Amino acid sequence: MRLEKFLSPSRIVDIKSRDFKSALLELLALCPEINVDESSTEDEDNVLNQLLKRERVIPTDLPSTVALPHVSVPLKSRKYVLAVGRCPSGLENADDSDDKKIRVLFLVLASEREREKTYFSVLTALSTVLEETEFVSRLEVAPDLKTFRDLILERFRGTGTPEPPVSRQNLLMLREAEKIASGAKCSKILLFADTFKTPTRSAAALVAGVNKPLVLVSENALGFDGFAGAKTPPVITVSALNSNRFAQFRSALFVGMTRGILRPDECVCCIGGRPGSDLLDTIMSVDLRTEFPSFLAQRGAEMLPAGVKPEVLERALAIATRLAIEGHEGLPAGCILVIGDRNLIAPHTKPLILNPFRGHPESDRNILNPFAEETVKELAWIDGAIIINGDGVAESAGTMLTSQEQAAASILASGLGTRHAAASSITVAADCVAFVVSASTRQVTLFHHGEPLVVFDRFVSA
């Protein structure tokens, strides 16, 4: 996704105001596309109030000194409008500490038509870029508006870093991967792009001239359009959370199948390395039929439950994996995330606590919203499961799974705990999937039709 097409250079400005509300008004004044007429209730004041209300409910302050207020409104002939304000002295807010003052303010206005399409994808792409410490630091110390503007536009185009050198080892590894792919009858090469510090440019410089069909794996799909001067290859979005090569590839292969990028009957050659190392060090040939035998046998041609979007499953996997790695307040803990049609799941559940999601707007409790993730992670540690519908909206937390269906024999025989048995049982009773994070092993297991699939295991050696 190329974000620069939504941002005009004239909408990157110096903010004169010293408080957050007035700064938003300055940026809104740059956006005449807001559809205001005599019959509309969406005037500038109302848009401002929506932005301020959202910030109170779910603050969009990112690490460091950046804020990303956003709202969905009627727009004239535009999908998105972005405006950026530079605030060198910082905006006044409730926190008086200098290191917390907002110095970079990104405003996102999305057409109401995009709410169910790419809205959360744009927010995720933006928040991922704005979490890059080096990039934000360069914005904060920009000496003038022109430098500030150039930094943003260059980063959004993927041209803000010098052309990386291509190491001999990386070239050798890629050429050997092509030979292995041909010899093992692999139909595609899957490249873990986050091996590189600058994934888009490093990968583009490396793979020019690769003859096999290429699939990229990256935490952020931003900037891969026009990759290597040719048609953009498919990009599988998987968080680069650790250096475990097997976990990297296994998660990516599973997501690729749910997306339809990979077929369950394919053999794929995977190549990657430690995230950010700039060094490819592992080549692996994987036959998907033998890698996921019990899972594929149970689900047949059905990749996901009816109504469950692939991007929702991907985000749930990312959340579960982060929970497995980070724990809760430094301590390991387990949880269950159940995803599917709430009307099918509800007969097999009962609440353990008052529902903390009740009454909040769907967009604020959708796991595709990058600013809802922390809320989901905090509530995941409460006893019981979090129930999420197929569109990504979290419906309840602290929910007991009461299905009487027997767990899969492999679960009962393994001696795994009640979380795994409950997750296996609910996916038999209802058309849904469930992720379980194990408190003891930090393993993440996906259940579908009762059958388990380990998608992340931090203790498997790379």
Protein backbone atom coordinates (compact mmCIF):
# COMPACT_ATOMS: atom_id res chain seq x y z
CA MET A 1 0.00 0.00 0.00
CA ARG A 2 1.49 3.32 -1.11
CA LEU A 3 0.45 6.00 1.36
CA GLU A 4 1.92 8.97 -0.52
CA LYS A 5 -1.04 8.95 -2.93
CA PHE A 6 -3.25 10.06 -0.02
CA LEU A 7 -0.95 12.88 1.10
CA SER A 8 -0.41 16.14 -0.77
CA PRO A 9 2.82 18.07 0.06
CA SER A 10 0.68 21.16 0.70
CA ARG A 11 -0.94 19.35 3.64
CA ILE A 12 2.33 18.95 5.51
CA VAL A 13 2.55 22.14 7.54
CA ASP A 14 3.96 23.83 10.63
CA ILE A 15 1.39 24.01 13.43
CA LYS A 16 1.03 27.45 15.02
CA SER A 17 -1.25 26.35 17.87
CA ARG A 18 0.05 25.08 21.20
CA ASP A 19 -2.85 22.80 22.22
CA PHE A 20 -4.13 19.57 20.68
CA LYS A 21 -7.67 20.78 19.85
CA SER A 22 -6.51 23.92 18.05
CA ALA A 23 -3.87 21.95 16.16
CA LEU A 24 -6.58 19.58 14.87
CA LEU A 25 -8.58 22.59 13.68
CA GLU A 26 -5.56 23.83 11.71
CA LEU A 27 -5.25 20.47 9.95
CA LEU A 28 -9.00 20.19 9.30
CA ALA A 29 -8.86 23.60 7.61
CA LEU A 30 -6.57 21.98 5.00
CA CYS A 31 -9.24 19.40 4.11
CA PRO A 32 -12.02 20.92 1.97
CA GLU A 33 -13.08 17.40 0.90
CA ILE A 34 -15.18 17.05 4.06
CA ASN A 35 -18.69 16.83 2.63
CA VAL A 36 -20.67 19.63 4.25
CA ASP A 37 -24.08 20.75 2.97
CA GLU A 38 -27.30 22.07 4.47
CA SER A 39 -28.70 18.60 5.09
CA SER A 40 -25.50 17.15 6.54
CA THR A 41 -24.71 16.89 10.22
CA GLU A 42 -21.01 16.37 9.48
CA ASP A 43 -19.78 19.94 9.90
CA GLU A 44 -16.22 20.78 10.92
CA ASP A 45 -17.11 21.10 14.61
CA ASN A 46 -18.75 17.69 14.58
CA VAL A 47 -15.73 16.09 12.90
CA LEU A 48 -13.52 17.74 15.51
CA ASN A 49 -15.71 16.40 18.30
CA GLN A 50 -15.52 12.90 16.84
CA LEU A 51 -11.73 13.09 16.75
CA LEU A 52 -11.50 14.37 20.33
CA LYS A 53 -13.97 11.78 21.60
CA ARG A 54 -12.04 8.94 19.97
CA GLU A 55 -8.80 10.21 21.49
CA ARG A 56 -10.40 10.17 24.94
CA VAL A 57 -11.65 6.60 24.53
CA ILE A 58 -8.66 5.06 22.71
CA PRO A 59 -5.67 7.44 22.62
CA THR A 60 -3.67 7.08 19.42
CA ASP A 61 -0.40 8.32 20.91
CA LEU A 62 2.28 6.07 19.51
CA PRO A 63 5.64 5.43 21.15
CA SER A 64 7.66 8.65 21.39
CA THR A 65 5.90 11.92 20.50
CA VAL A 66 3.50 11.10 17.65
CA ALA A 67 -0.31 11.11 17.55
CA LEU A 68 -2.52 9.65 14.82
CA PRO A 69 -6.10 10.94 15.25
CA HIS A 70 -8.48 9.42 12.70
CA VAL A 71 -12.17 9.39 11.84
CA SER A 72 -14.52 8.12 9.13
CA VAL A 73 -16.58 10.93 7.49
CA PRO A 74 -18.31 11.72 4.19
CA LEU A 75 -15.65 12.81 1.70
CA LYS A 76 -16.06 14.35 -1.73
CA SER A 77 -14.66 11.95 -4.34
CA ARG A 78 -11.77 10.81 -2.12
CA LYS A 79 -11.11 7.59 -0.22
CA TYR A 80 -8.63 9.10 2.22
CA VAL A 81 -7.23 12.49 3.09
CA LEU A 82 -4.06 12.83 5.18
CA ALA A 83 -2.66 15.97 6.76
CA VAL A 84 0.49 16.28 8.86
CA GLY A 85 1.49 18.95 11.36
CA ARG A 86 4.98 19.68 12.67
CA CYS A 87 4.98 20.89 16.30
CA PRO A 88 8.65 21.48 17.27
CA SER A 89 7.88 22.86 20.73
CA GLY A 90 5.25 20.22 21.49
CA LEU A 91 1.50 20.46 22.01
CA GLU A 92 0.16 21.07 25.47
CA ASN A 93 -1.80 18.16 26.92
CA ALA A 94 -2.61 16.52 30.23
CA ASP A 95 0.95 15.28 30.59
CA ASP A 96 3.31 18.17 31.28
CA SER A 97 6.54 16.22 30.82
CA ASP A 98 8.53 17.43 27.83
CA ASP A 99 9.30 13.93 26.57
CA LYS A 100 5.58 13.16 26.27
CA LYS A 101 4.48 16.24 24.34
CA ILE A 102 3.20 15.61 20.83
CA ARG A 103 5.58 16.95 18.21
CA VAL A 104 4.28 15.17 15.10
CA LEU A 105 0.54 15.06 14.38
CA PHE A 106 -0.87 12.86 11.59
CA LEU A 107 -4.56 13.35 10.76
CA VAL A 108 -6.42 10.65 8.81
CA LEU A 109 -9.87 11.26 7.31
CA ALA A 110 -11.41 8.18 5.70
CA SER A 111 -14.46 8.03 3.48
CA GLU A 112 -17.35 6.22 5.13
CA ARG A 113 -17.32 3.86 2.14
CA GLU A 114 -13.87 2.61 3.19
CA ARG A 115 -14.86 1.60 6.74
CA GLU A 116 -15.41 -2.01 5.71
CA LYS A 117 -12.62 -2.06 3.12
CA THR A 118 -9.11 -0.73 3.72
CA TYR A 119 -9.63 1.65 6.67
CA PHE A 120 -7.84 -0.47 9.25
CA SER A 121 -5.17 -1.49 6.74
CA VAL A 122 -4.25 2.17 6.23
CA LEU A 123 -4.17 2.78 10.00
CA THR A 124 -2.00 -0.29 10.52
CA ALA A 125 0.43 0.75 7.76
CA LEU A 126 0.69 4.25 9.19
CA SER A 127 1.11 3.15 12.80
CA THR A 128 3.81 0.66 11.78
CA VAL A 129 5.78 3.42 10.04
CA LEU A 130 5.32 5.81 12.97
CA GLU A 131 6.64 3.24 15.42
CA GLU A 132 10.01 3.29 13.65
CA THR A 133 12.20 5.01 16.22
CA GLU A 134 14.87 6.16 13.76
CA PHE A 135 12.32 7.67 11.36
CA VAL A 136 10.44 9.53 14.10
CA SER A 137 13.69 10.84 15.57
CA ARG A 138 14.64 12.28 12.18
CA LEU A 139 11.25 13.99 11.96
CA GLU A 140 11.64 15.51 15.42
CA VAL A 141 15.04 17.05 14.68
CA ALA A 142 14.20 18.24 11.15
CA PRO A 143 15.59 21.81 10.98
CA ASP A 144 12.83 23.18 8.75
CA LEU A 145 9.49 22.32 7.16
CA LYS A 146 11.03 21.38 3.80
CA THR A 147 13.27 18.75 5.41
CA PHE A 148 10.34 17.48 7.48
CA ARG A 149 8.13 17.24 4.38
CA ASP A 150 10.81 15.49 2.30
CA LEU A 151 11.43 12.91 5.03
CA ILE A 152 7.76 11.95 5.15
CA LEU A 153 7.24 11.77 1.39
CA GLU A 154 10.46 9.80 0.88
CA ARG A 155 9.50 7.29 3.57
CA PHE A 156 6.02 6.84 2.15
CA ARG A 157 7.51 6.20 -1.29
CA GLY A 158 10.02 3.76 0.17
CA THR A 159 12.94 5.90 -1.02
CA GLY A 160 14.03 7.44 2.25
CA THR A 161 17.07 5.22 2.72
CA PRO A 162 20.18 4.73 0.58
CA GLU A 163 20.38 1.76 -1.77
CA PRO A 164 21.69 -1.12 0.36
CA PRO A 165 24.64 -3.19 -0.84
CA VAL A 166 23.91 -6.76 -1.84
CA SER A 167 26.23 -9.11 0.05
CA ARG A 168 27.84 -12.07 -1.70
CA GLN A 169 26.38 -14.44 0.88
CA ASN A 170 22.85 -13.23 0.24
CA LEU A 171 23.27 -13.58 -3.52
CA LEU A 172 24.70 -17.06 -3.06
CA MET A 173 21.86 -18.09 -0.74
CA LEU A 174 19.23 -16.90 -3.19
CA ARG A 175 20.84 -18.67 -6.14
CA GLU A 176 21.07 -21.89 -4.10
CA ALA A 177 17.42 -21.48 -3.09
CA GLU A 178 16.50 -21.34 -6.80
CA LYS A 179 18.44 -24.57 -7.42
CA ILE A 180 16.81 -26.30 -4.44
CA ALA A 181 13.37 -25.07 -5.53
CA SER A 182 13.89 -26.55 -9.00
CA GLY A 183 15.27 -29.84 -7.68
CA ALA A 184 12.52 -30.27 -5.07
CA LYS A 185 9.81 -29.24 -7.55
CA CYS A 186 8.84 -26.23 -5.45
CA SER A 187 6.34 -24.00 -7.22
CA LYS A 188 7.30 -20.81 -5.35
CA ILE A 189 10.12 -19.18 -3.36
CA LEU A 190 9.02 -17.57 -0.11
CA LEU A 191 11.42 -14.80 1.02
CA PHE A 192 11.35 -13.53 4.62
CA ALA A 193 11.92 -9.83 3.76
CA ASP A 194 12.18 -8.66 7.38
CA THR A 195 15.59 -10.30 7.48
CA PHE A 196 16.71 -6.91 6.12
CA LYS A 197 16.79 -3.59 7.95
CA THR A 198 15.20 -1.95 4.89
CA PRO A 199 12.94 -4.76 3.63
CA THR A 200 11.51 -3.13 0.50
CA ARG A 201 14.76 -1.80 -0.93
CA SER A 202 17.04 -4.63 0.18
CA ALA A 203 14.73 -7.33 -1.09
CA ALA A 204 14.20 -5.47 -4.38
CA ALA A 205 17.94 -5.14 -4.94
CA LEU A 206 18.47 -8.82 -4.13
CA VAL A 207 15.80 -10.62 -6.13
CA ALA A 208 15.93 -8.79 -9.46
CA GLY A 209 16.16 -11.54 -12.03
CA VAL A 210 14.74 -14.37 -9.89
CA ASN A 211 12.97 -16.73 -12.29
CA LYS A 212 10.76 -18.64 -9.85
CA PRO A 213 7.44 -17.09 -8.70
CA LEU A 214 8.21 -15.09 -5.57
CA VAL A 215 6.19 -14.56 -2.39
CA LEU A 216 7.34 -12.02 0.22
CA VAL A 217 6.82 -12.20 3.98
CA SER A 218 6.92 -8.93 5.93
CA GLU A 219 5.41 -7.37 9.02
CA ASN A 220 4.54 -4.29 6.96
CA ALA A 221 3.39 -4.45 3.34
CA LEU A 222 3.95 -0.71 2.85
CA GLY A 223 6.19 0.19 -0.08
CA PHE A 224 6.24 -3.10 -1.99
CA ASP A 225 4.16 -1.70 -4.88
CA GLY A 226 6.17 -1.74 -8.09
CA PHE A 227 8.67 -4.08 -6.41
CA ALA A 228 11.94 -4.42 -8.32
CA GLY A 229 10.47 -2.37 -11.17
CA ALA A 230 7.97 -5.08 -11.99
CA LYS A 231 4.60 -6.36 -10.87
CA THR A 232 4.39 -6.53 -7.08
CA PRO A 233 4.64 -10.13 -5.82
CA PRO A 234 2.14 -11.33 -3.20
CA VAL A 235 3.00 -10.17 0.32
CA ILE A 236 2.12 -12.32 3.35
CA THR A 237 1.82 -10.15 6.45
CA VAL A 238 3.30 -11.89 9.51
CA SER A 239 4.86 -10.19 12.53
CA ALA A 240 8.64 -10.60 12.78
CA LEU A 241 8.63 -11.34 16.50
CA ASN A 242 11.60 -13.64 16.96
CA SER A 243 14.52 -15.31 15.23
CA ASN A 244 13.03 -18.80 15.19
CA ARG A 245 13.25 -19.72 11.50
CA PHE A 246 10.77 -22.57 11.77
CA ALA A 247 8.20 -20.32 13.48
CA GLN A 248 8.75 -17.63 10.82
CA PHE A 249 8.10 -20.00 7.96
CA ARG A 250 5.29 -22.04 9.55
CA SER A 251 3.20 -18.98 10.42
CA ALA A 252 3.77 -17.48 6.97
CA LEU A 253 2.84 -20.72 5.19
CA PHE A 254 -0.37 -21.02 7.18
CA VAL A 255 -1.37 -17.39 6.51
CA GLY A 256 -0.48 -17.85 2.84
CA MET A 257 -2.91 -20.77 2.60
CA THR A 258 -5.74 -18.83 4.26
CA ARG A 259 -5.13 -15.97 1.80
CA GLY A 260 -5.14 -18.28 -1.20
CA ILE A 261 -1.59 -17.19 -2.05
CA LEU A 262 -0.41 -20.76 -1.46
CA ARG A 263 -2.26 -23.96 -2.30
CA PRO A 264 -2.38 -26.82 0.22
CA ASP A 265 -0.92 -29.20 -2.39
CA GLU A 266 2.16 -27.05 -3.13
CA CYS A 267 5.80 -27.44 -2.22
CA VAL A 268 7.44 -24.13 -1.29
CA CYS A 269 11.11 -23.17 -0.88
CA CYS A 270 11.54 -20.79 2.08
CA ILE A 271 14.56 -18.55 2.63
CA GLY A 272 15.17 -16.18 5.53
CA GLY A 273 17.31 -15.06 8.45
CA ARG A 274 17.24 -13.31 11.80
CA PRO A 275 15.03 -10.17 11.62
CA GLY A 276 17.07 -7.05 10.92
CA SER A 277 20.34 -8.94 10.45
CA ASP A 278 20.70 -8.24 6.69
CA LEU A 279 21.93 -11.83 6.35
CA LEU A 280 20.08 -14.77 4.82
CA ASP A 281 21.12 -17.94 6.62
CA THR A 282 18.39 -20.58 6.21
CA ILE A 283 16.83 -22.41 3.25
CA MET A 284 13.99 -24.84 3.77
CA SER A 285 11.87 -26.87 1.34
CA VAL A 286 8.36 -27.46 2.70
CA ASP A 287 5.63 -29.73 1.32
CA LEU A 288 2.43 -28.24 2.72
CA ARG A 289 0.61 -31.58 2.58
CA THR A 290 3.09 -33.22 4.92
CA GLU A 291 3.65 -30.12 7.07
CA PHE A 292 -0.02 -29.71 8.00
CA PRO A 293 -1.46 -33.22 7.53
CA SER A 294 -4.08 -33.50 10.29
CA PHE A 295 -5.22 -29.91 9.91
CA LEU A 296 -5.67 -30.15 6.15
CA ALA A 297 -7.32 -33.56 6.44
CA GLN A 298 -9.96 -32.23 8.82
CA ARG A 299 -10.81 -29.05 6.99
CA GLY A 300 -10.62 -30.34 3.42
CA ALA A 301 -11.06 -27.48 0.97
CA GLU A 302 -12.49 -25.20 3.66
CA MET A 303 -9.71 -22.87 4.76
CA LEU A 304 -11.65 -20.74 7.26
CA PRO A 305 -15.06 -20.80 8.95
CA ALA A 306 -17.83 -19.05 7.04
CA GLY A 307 -17.66 -15.29 7.43
CA VAL A 308 -14.18 -15.13 8.98
CA LYS A 309 -11.93 -12.73 7.07
CA PRO A 310 -8.32 -13.84 6.52
CA GLU A 311 -7.00 -10.54 7.86
CA VAL A 312 -8.87 -11.12 11.14
CA LEU A 313 -7.20 -14.51 11.55
CA GLU A 314 -3.81 -12.91 10.78
CA ARG A 315 -4.29 -10.19 13.39
CA ALA A 316 -5.47 -12.72 16.00
CA LEU A 317 -2.36 -14.79 15.29
CA ALA A 318 -0.17 -11.69 15.74
CA ILE A 319 -1.87 -10.82 19.04
CA ALA A 320 -1.58 -14.37 20.35
CA THR A 321 2.09 -14.55 19.37
CA ARG A 322 2.87 -11.23 21.08
CA LEU A 323 1.10 -12.46 24.21
CA ALA A 324 3.14 -15.67 24.15
CA ILE A 325 6.43 -13.77 23.87
CA GLU A 326 5.73 -10.81 26.15
CA GLY A 327 3.55 -12.44 28.81
CA HIS A 328 1.57 -10.23 31.15
CA GLU A 329 3.52 -7.75 33.26
CA GLY A 330 6.60 -9.91 32.76
CA LEU A 331 4.93 -13.15 33.82
CA PRO A 332 3.81 -16.01 31.54
CA ALA A 333 0.05 -16.46 31.23
CA GLY A 334 -2.38 -18.31 28.99
CA CYS A 335 -5.44 -17.21 27.05
CA ILE A 336 -8.03 -18.23 24.44
CA LEU A 337 -9.20 -16.21 21.42
CA VAL A 338 -12.28 -17.66 19.68
CA ILE A 339 -13.15 -16.35 16.20
CA GLY A 340 -16.39 -17.00 14.34
CA ASP A 341 -20.11 -16.23 14.07
CA ARG A 342 -21.19 -15.07 17.54
CA ASN A 343 -24.70 -16.48 16.98
CA LEU A 344 -23.23 -19.97 16.55
CA ILE A 345 -20.78 -19.60 19.44
CA ALA A 346 -23.15 -17.98 21.98
CA PRO A 347 -25.15 -21.16 22.86
CA HIS A 348 -21.89 -22.74 24.04
CA THR A 349 -20.75 -19.89 26.31
CA LYS A 350 -21.69 -18.04 29.46
CA PRO A 351 -20.22 -14.87 31.03
CA LEU A 352 -17.89 -15.01 34.00
CA ILE A 353 -17.80 -11.21 34.41
CA LEU A 354 -19.66 -8.15 33.14
CA ASN A 355 -18.74 -7.76 29.48
CA PRO A 356 -16.07 -4.99 29.18
CA PHE A 357 -16.69 -4.61 25.43
CA ARG A 358 -20.39 -3.93 25.74
CA GLY A 359 -21.56 -0.47 24.61
CA HIS A 360 -18.36 0.54 22.79
CA PRO A 361 -18.44 1.35 19.03
CA GLU A 362 -17.52 -1.59 16.84
CA SER A 363 -14.63 0.27 15.24
CA ASP A 364 -13.06 0.84 18.68
CA ARG A 365 -13.19 -2.88 19.59
CA ASN A 366 -12.18 -4.28 16.23
CA ILE A 367 -8.86 -6.15 16.46
CA LEU A 368 -7.96 -4.85 12.98
CA ASN A 369 -7.78 -1.40 14.55
CA PRO A 370 -4.13 -1.16 15.68
CA PHE A 371 -5.17 0.99 18.64
CA ALA A 372 -7.53 -1.68 20.00
CA GLU A 373 -4.80 -4.30 20.31
CA GLU A 374 -3.58 -3.23 23.75
CA THR A 375 -7.11 -3.47 25.15
CA VAL A 376 -7.52 -6.98 23.76
CA LYS A 377 -4.13 -8.03 25.16
CA GLU A 378 -4.99 -6.74 28.64
CA LEU A 379 -8.38 -8.47 28.70
CA ALA A 380 -7.00 -11.73 27.29
CA TRP A 381 -5.50 -12.64 30.67
CA ILE A 382 -8.87 -12.65 32.43
CA ASP A 383 -10.17 -16.18 33.09
CA GLY A 384 -12.27 -17.32 30.16
CA ALA A 385 -12.05 -16.58 26.44
CA ILE A 386 -12.33 -13.51 24.24
CA ILE A 387 -14.98 -13.98 21.55
CA ILE A 388 -14.33 -12.22 18.24
CA ASN A 389 -16.65 -12.22 15.24
CA GLY A 390 -15.54 -12.86 11.68
CA ASP A 391 -15.18 -9.15 10.92
CA GLY A 392 -12.77 -8.70 13.84
CA VAL A 393 -15.13 -7.09 16.36
CA ALA A 394 -14.47 -8.28 19.91
CA GLU A 395 -17.84 -9.28 21.37
CA SER A 396 -16.99 -10.39 24.93
CA ALA A 397 -14.18 -11.16 27.35
CA GLY A 398 -14.09 -13.36 30.44
CA THR A 399 -16.34 -15.85 28.67
CA MET A 400 -16.62 -19.48 29.79
CA LEU A 401 -16.73 -22.08 27.00
CA THR A 402 -19.39 -24.63 27.94
CA SER A 403 -19.45 -26.91 24.89
CA GLN A 404 -20.03 -30.56 25.77
CA GLU A 405 -18.39 -31.84 22.60
CA GLN A 406 -15.45 -34.12 23.28
CA ALA A 407 -12.02 -32.65 22.56
CA ALA A 408 -9.93 -34.23 19.83
CA ALA A 409 -8.30 -37.49 20.80
CA SER A 410 -4.86 -36.02 20.18
CA ILE A 411 -5.57 -33.34 22.82
CA LEU A 412 -6.88 -35.79 25.39
CA ALA A 413 -3.92 -38.10 24.84
CA SER A 414 -1.33 -35.33 25.06
CA GLY A 415 -2.18 -34.32 28.60
CA LEU A 416 -2.62 -30.65 27.62
CA GLY A 417 -4.69 -28.47 29.93
CA THR A 418 -8.28 -27.35 30.10
CA ARG A 419 -7.74 -24.37 27.78
CA HIS A 420 -6.73 -26.64 24.93
CA ALA A 421 -9.58 -29.08 25.61
CA ALA A 422 -12.11 -26.21 25.74
CA ALA A 423 -10.77 -24.69 22.52
CA SER A 424 -10.86 -28.03 20.74
CA SER A 425 -14.42 -28.64 21.96
CA ILE A 426 -15.85 -25.24 20.92
CA THR A 427 -14.46 -25.60 17.38
CA VAL A 428 -16.29 -28.92 17.07
CA ALA A 429 -19.56 -27.55 18.46
CA ALA A 430 -19.55 -24.35 16.33
CA ASP A 431 -18.07 -23.29 13.01
CA CYS A 432 -15.17 -21.29 14.46
CA VAL A 433 -11.44 -21.31 15.14
CA ALA A 434 -9.61 -20.74 18.42
CA PHE A 435 -6.08 -19.69 19.35
CA VAL A 436 -4.67 -20.92 22.66
CA VAL A 437 -1.59 -19.43 24.30
CA SER A 438 -0.01 -21.86 26.75
CA ALA A 439 1.14 -20.34 30.04
CA SER A 440 3.72 -23.08 30.63
CA THR A 441 5.35 -23.39 27.19
CA ARG A 442 4.43 -20.04 25.52
CA GLN A 443 3.25 -22.13 22.57
CA VAL A 444 0.45 -20.82 20.31
CA THR A 445 -1.94 -23.46 18.97
CA LEU A 446 -4.76 -22.99 16.46
CA PHE A 447 -7.82 -25.23 16.66
CA HIS A 448 -10.26 -25.88 13.81
CA HIS A 449 -12.78 -28.74 13.72
CA GLY A 450 -11.23 -29.86 16.99
CA GLU A 451 -7.79 -30.48 15.50
CA PRO A 452 -4.69 -28.62 16.75
CA LEU A 453 -2.07 -26.86 14.66
CA VAL A 454 0.99 -25.42 16.40
CA VAL A 455 1.63 -22.09 14.68
CA PHE A 456 4.25 -20.72 17.06
CA ASP A 457 6.65 -22.45 19.45
CA ARG A 458 9.39 -20.27 20.91
CA PHE A 459 11.42 -23.22 22.19
CA VAL A 460 11.99 -24.97 18.88
CA SER A 461 15.61 -24.33 17.90
CA ALA A 462 16.08 -22.20 14.80
